[in-house]
Amino acid sequence: MDEFTFGGERRPTADWLTDPEDRDFDEVWVFENPAGVSTERWFHGAGCRRWLTVRRDTSLDRVVEVR
């Protein structure tokens, strides 16, 4: 078991997303991955078993803030 499990990113809905049936697939698998700070959700499964919100700078691969 991994200590942390990735739960997804918080990002605005893409303007090219038109078909509601494809929303889940597109949100999870098709995105631009812009450089800069992103907000992600992580689950601490091997510890406190709580969800964390992490702000991470993707261009530096550094955690900026944990909530």
Protein backbone atom coordinates (compact mmCIF):
# COMPACT_ATOMS: atom_id res chain seq x y z
CA MET A 1 0.00 0.00 0.00
CA ASP A 2 1.23 3.47 -0.86
CA GLU A 3 1.24 6.01 1.93
CA PHE A 4 -0.46 8.66 -0.23
CA THR A 5 -2.94 8.14 -3.07
CA PHE A 6 -3.51 10.85 -5.70
CA GLY A 7 -7.13 12.00 -5.75
CA GLY A 8 -7.11 14.46 -8.65
CA GLU A 9 -6.48 18.06 -9.53
CA ARG A 10 -8.70 21.06 -9.05
CA ARG A 11 -8.73 22.95 -12.31
CA PRO A 12 -11.31 24.86 -14.27
CA THR A 13 -13.35 22.97 -16.84
CA ALA A 14 -11.67 23.21 -20.22
CA ASP A 15 -13.47 25.40 -22.75
CA TRP A 16 -13.11 22.68 -25.42
CA LEU A 17 -15.12 20.23 -23.29
CA THR A 18 -18.51 20.09 -25.01
CA ASP A 19 -20.03 16.61 -24.56
CA PRO A 20 -21.23 15.97 -20.96
CA GLU A 21 -20.81 12.21 -21.53
CA ASP A 22 -17.05 12.69 -22.01
CA ARG A 23 -16.59 15.04 -19.04
CA ASP A 24 -15.21 12.46 -16.58
CA PHE A 25 -12.81 10.91 -19.08
CA ASP A 26 -11.57 14.27 -20.37
CA GLU A 27 -11.13 15.78 -16.90
CA VAL A 28 -9.02 12.86 -15.73
CA TRP A 29 -7.01 11.99 -18.82
CA VAL A 30 -6.94 14.98 -21.20
CA PHE A 31 -5.50 18.25 -19.97
CA GLU A 32 -2.82 20.78 -20.85
CA ASN A 33 -0.69 20.39 -17.71
CA PRO A 34 0.32 24.06 -17.51
CA ALA A 35 3.48 25.04 -15.63
CA GLY A 36 2.87 26.82 -12.34
CA VAL A 37 0.95 26.25 -9.14
CA SER A 38 -1.78 23.58 -9.21
CA THR A 39 -4.13 22.41 -6.48
CA GLU A 40 -4.30 18.65 -5.90
CA ARG A 41 -6.10 16.27 -3.54
CA TRP A 42 -4.20 13.44 -1.81
CA PHE A 43 -5.45 10.70 0.52
CA HIS A 44 -3.20 9.63 3.43
CA GLY A 45 -4.20 5.95 3.42
CA ALA A 46 -1.31 4.57 5.49
CA GLY A 47 -1.57 7.21 8.19
CA CYS A 48 -4.37 9.45 9.41
CA ARG A 49 -6.71 8.34 6.57
CA ARG A 50 -7.67 11.94 5.74
CA TRP A 51 -7.77 13.92 2.51
CA LEU A 52 -5.20 16.70 2.04
CA THR A 53 -5.31 19.65 -0.33
CA VAL A 54 -1.82 20.33 -1.67
CA ARG A 55 -0.75 23.32 -3.76
CA ARG A 56 2.25 22.29 -5.85
CA ASP A 57 4.40 24.24 -8.29
CA THR A 58 4.58 21.90 -11.30
CA SER A 59 7.48 23.78 -12.91
CA LEU A 60 9.68 23.19 -9.84
CA ASP A 61 7.96 20.02 -8.51
CA ARG A 62 7.77 21.59 -5.05
CA VAL A 63 4.94 21.68 -2.54
CA VAL A 64 3.92 25.28 -1.84
CA GLU A 65 1.16 24.72 0.74
CA VAL A 66 -0.70 21.87 2.49
CA ARG A 67 -4.21 22.34 3.88
